[in-house]
C-alpha atoms as a PDB file:
ATOM      1  CA  MET A   1     -22.530  37.397 119.670  1.00  0.00           C
ATOM      2  CA  SER A   2     -23.469  33.714 119.791  1.00  0.00           C
ATOM      3  CA  ARG A   3     -25.082  34.286 123.205  1.00  0.00           C
ATOM      4  CA  LEU A   4     -27.431  36.857 121.651  1.00  0.00           C
ATOM      5  CA  VAL A   5     -28.388  34.312 118.987  1.00  0.00           C
ATOM      6  CA  GLU A   6     -29.141  31.761 121.728  1.00  0.00           C
ATOM      7  CA  ILE A   7     -31.273  34.272 123.611  1.00  0.00           C
ATOM      8  CA  TYR A   8     -33.218  35.279 120.523  1.00  0.00           C
ATOM      9  CA  ASN A   9     -33.773  31.702 119.376  1.00  0.00           C
ATOM     10  CA  GLY A  10     -34.959  30.755 122.874  1.00  0.00           C
ATOM     11  CA  LEU A  11     -37.771  33.312 122.825  1.00  0.00           C
ATOM     12  CA  PRO A  12     -41.177  31.901 121.876  1.00  0.00           C
ATOM     13  CA  GLY A  13     -42.564  33.154 118.584  1.00  0.00           C
ATOM     14  CA  SER A  14     -39.193  34.085 117.090  1.00  0.00           C
ATOM     15  CA  GLU A  15     -37.903  32.401 113.975  1.00  0.00           C
ATOM     16  CA  PRO A  16     -34.480  30.843 114.609  1.00  0.00           C
ATOM     17  CA  VAL A  17     -31.463  32.659 113.166  1.00  0.00           C
ATOM     18  CA  LYS A  18     -27.844  31.576 112.737  1.00  0.00           C
ATOM     19  CA  LYS A  19     -26.274  34.991 113.244  1.00  0.00           C
ATOM     20  CA  PHE A  20     -27.022  38.704 113.355  1.00  0.00           C
ATOM     21  CA  LYS A  21     -25.606  41.435 111.154  1.00  0.00           C
ATOM     22  CA  ASP A  22     -24.355  43.329 114.219  1.00  0.00           C
ATOM     23  CA  ARG A  23     -24.948  43.703 117.945  1.00  0.00           C
ATOM     24  CA  ALA A  24     -27.425  46.585 117.537  1.00  0.00           C
ATOM     25  CA  THR A  25     -29.624  44.480 115.249  1.00  0.00           C
ATOM     26  CA  ALA A  26     -29.528  41.598 117.724  1.00  0.00           C
ATOM     27  CA  VAL A  27     -30.499  43.770 120.662  1.00  0.00           C
ATOM     28  CA  SER A  28     -33.262  45.446 118.662  1.00  0.00           C
ATOM     29  CA  ARG A  29     -34.802  42.131 117.610  1.00  0.00           C
ATOM     30  CA  ILE A  30     -34.538  40.651 121.095  1.00  0.00           C
ATOM     31  CA  TRP A  31     -36.177  43.722 122.595  1.00  0.00           C
ATOM     32  CA  LYS A  32     -39.058  43.617 120.102  1.00  0.00           C
ATOM     33  CA  ALA A  33     -39.559  39.903 120.718  1.00  0.00           C
ATOM     34  CA  ILE A  34     -39.656  40.451 124.484  1.00  0.00           C
ATOM     35  CA  GLN A  35     -42.169  43.272 124.140  1.00  0.00           C
ATOM     36  CA  ASN A  36     -44.418  41.061 122.010  1.00  0.00           C
ATOM     37  CA  LEU A  37     -44.380  38.173 124.487  1.00  0.00           C
ATOM     38  CA  GLY A  38     -47.370  39.390 126.518  1.00  0.00           C
ATOM     39  CA  GLY A  39     -49.238  41.295 123.821  1.00  0.00           C
ATOM     40  CA  ALA A  40     -51.391  44.382 124.365  1.00  0.00           C
ATOM     41  CA  GLU A  41     -53.967  42.460 126.405  1.00  0.00           C
ATOM     42  CA  SER A  42     -51.375  41.414 128.964  1.00  0.00           C
ATOM     43  CA  ALA A  43     -50.099  44.957 129.285  1.00  0.00           C
ATOM     44  CA  GLU A  44     -53.596  46.074 130.315  1.00  0.00           C
ATOM     45  CA  GLN A  45     -53.873  43.199 132.768  1.00  0.00           C
ATOM     46  CA  LEU A  46     -50.502  44.061 134.268  1.00  0.00           C
ATOM     47  CA  THR A  47     -51.566  47.678 134.685  1.00  0.00           C
ATOM     48  CA  GLU A  48     -54.797  46.641 136.380  1.00  0.00           C
ATOM     49  CA  ALA A  49     -52.972  44.166 138.607  1.00  0.00           C
ATOM     50  CA  ALA A  50     -50.407  46.765 139.605  1.00  0.00           C
ATOM     51  CA  THR A  51     -53.147  49.285 140.357  1.00  0.00           C
ATOM     52  CA  GLY A  52     -55.032  46.704 142.398  1.00  0.00           C
ATOM     53  CA  GLU A  53     -51.915  45.769 144.332  1.00  0.00           C
ATOM     54  CA  VAL A  54     -51.205  49.390 145.175  1.00  0.00           C
ATOM     55  CA  ALA A  55     -54.774  49.973 146.318  1.00  0.00           C
ATOM     56  CA  GLY A  56     -54.662  46.767 148.370  1.00  0.00           C
ATOM     57  CA  ALA A  57     -51.403  47.835 149.965  1.00  0.00           C
ATOM     58  CA  ALA A  58     -52.903  51.186 150.898  1.00  0.00           C
ATOM     59  CA  GLU A  59     -55.839  49.474 152.572  1.00  0.00           C
ATOM     60  CA  ALA A  60     -53.550  47.147 154.490  1.00  0.00           C
ATOM     61  CA  THR A  61     -51.488  50.009 155.839  1.00  0.00           C
ATOM     62  CA  THR A  62     -54.382  52.238 156.881  1.00  0.00           C
ATOM     63  CA  VAL A  63     -53.755  53.559 160.387  1.00  0.00           C
ATOM     64  CA  THR A  64     -56.398  54.855 162.730  1.00  0.00           C
ATOM     65  CA  PRO A  65     -56.006  58.536 163.520  1.00  0.00           C
ATOM     66  CA  GLN A  66     -54.399  59.358 166.841  1.00  0.00           C
ATOM     67  CA  GLY A  67     -54.253  62.532 168.884  1.00  0.00           C
ATOM     68  CA  ALA A  68     -51.473  64.997 168.222  1.00  0.00           C
ATOM     69  CA  ASP A  69     -48.313  64.311 170.209  1.00  0.00           C
ATOM     70  CA  VAL A  70     -46.995  67.827 170.726  1.00  0.00           C
ATOM     71  CA  ALA A  71     -45.640  69.849 173.629  1.00  0.00           C
ATOM     72  CA  PRO A  72     -48.025  72.102 175.519  1.00  0.00           C
ATOM     73  CA  ALA A  73     -48.216  75.730 174.460  1.00  0.00           C
ATOM     74  CA  GLU A  74     -46.756  76.992 177.758  1.00  0.00           C
ATOM     75  CA  GLY A  75     -44.005  75.263 179.657  1.00  0.00           C
ATOM     76  CA  THR A  76     -44.797  73.646 182.996  1.00  0.00           C
ATOM     77  CA  SER A  77     -41.600  74.972 184.600  1.00  0.00           C
ATOM     78  CA  LYS A  78     -41.723  78.285 186.461  1.00  0.00           C
ATOM     79  CA  GLU A  79     -38.027  78.954 185.888  1.00  0.00           C
ATOM     80  CA  GLN A  80     -36.805  80.706 182.778  1.00  0.00           C
ATOM     81  CA  ALA A  81     -33.596  79.843 181.002  1.00  0.00           C
ATOM     82  CA  SER A  82     -30.683  82.196 181.482  1.00  0.00           C
ATOM     83  CA  PRO A  83     -29.188  83.890 178.433  1.00  0.00           C
ATOM     84  CA  ALA A  84     -26.209  82.213 176.804  1.00  0.00           C
ATOM     85  CA  GLU A  85     -22.758  83.335 177.912  1.00  0.00           C
ATOM     86  CA  PRO A  86     -20.609  85.152 175.359  1.00  0.00           C
ATOM     87  CA  PRO A  87     -17.744  83.077 173.930  1.00  0.00           C
ATOM     88  CA  ALA A  88     -14.415  83.196 175.756  1.00  0.00           C
ATOM     89  CA  GLU A  89     -11.645  85.235 174.160  1.00  0.00           C
ATOM     90  CA  THR A  90      -9.351  83.188 171.997  1.00  0.00           C
ATOM     91  CA  ALA A  91      -5.611  83.679 171.715  1.00  0.00           C
ATOM     92  CA  THR A  92      -4.245  84.874 168.417  1.00  0.00           C
ATOM     93  CA  ILE A  93      -1.358  83.157 166.698  1.00  0.00           C
ATOM     94  CA  GLY A  94       0.939  86.115 167.296  1.00  0.00           C
ATOM     95  CA  SER A  95       0.317  86.124 171.069  1.00  0.00           C
ATOM     96  CA  CYS A  96       1.332  82.455 171.437  1.00  0.00           C
ATOM     97  CA  VAL A  97       4.764  82.990 169.907  1.00  0.00           C
ATOM     98  CA  GLY A  98       7.077  84.256 172.589  1.00  0.00           C
END
């Protein structure tokens, strides 16, 4: 629990405490203090920066269109494939016992 006190007291803008009532209270206060670090203005800036980074990444990875790389509609070979052979007969367990 003392580590949570150290974390909370190390956050800027928080009033130092000696101990917390319980772990849930400590976590709640630390979380609120962390959320208030940047303020609402920073949240907007982060959103804009993230959007700008994504758009910049999309521009950097733009690829010029290329022709389709597919097989021709008709094969070039004049031979046709033969039909598959039926499976060979398999021995049953009873026929192996002699």
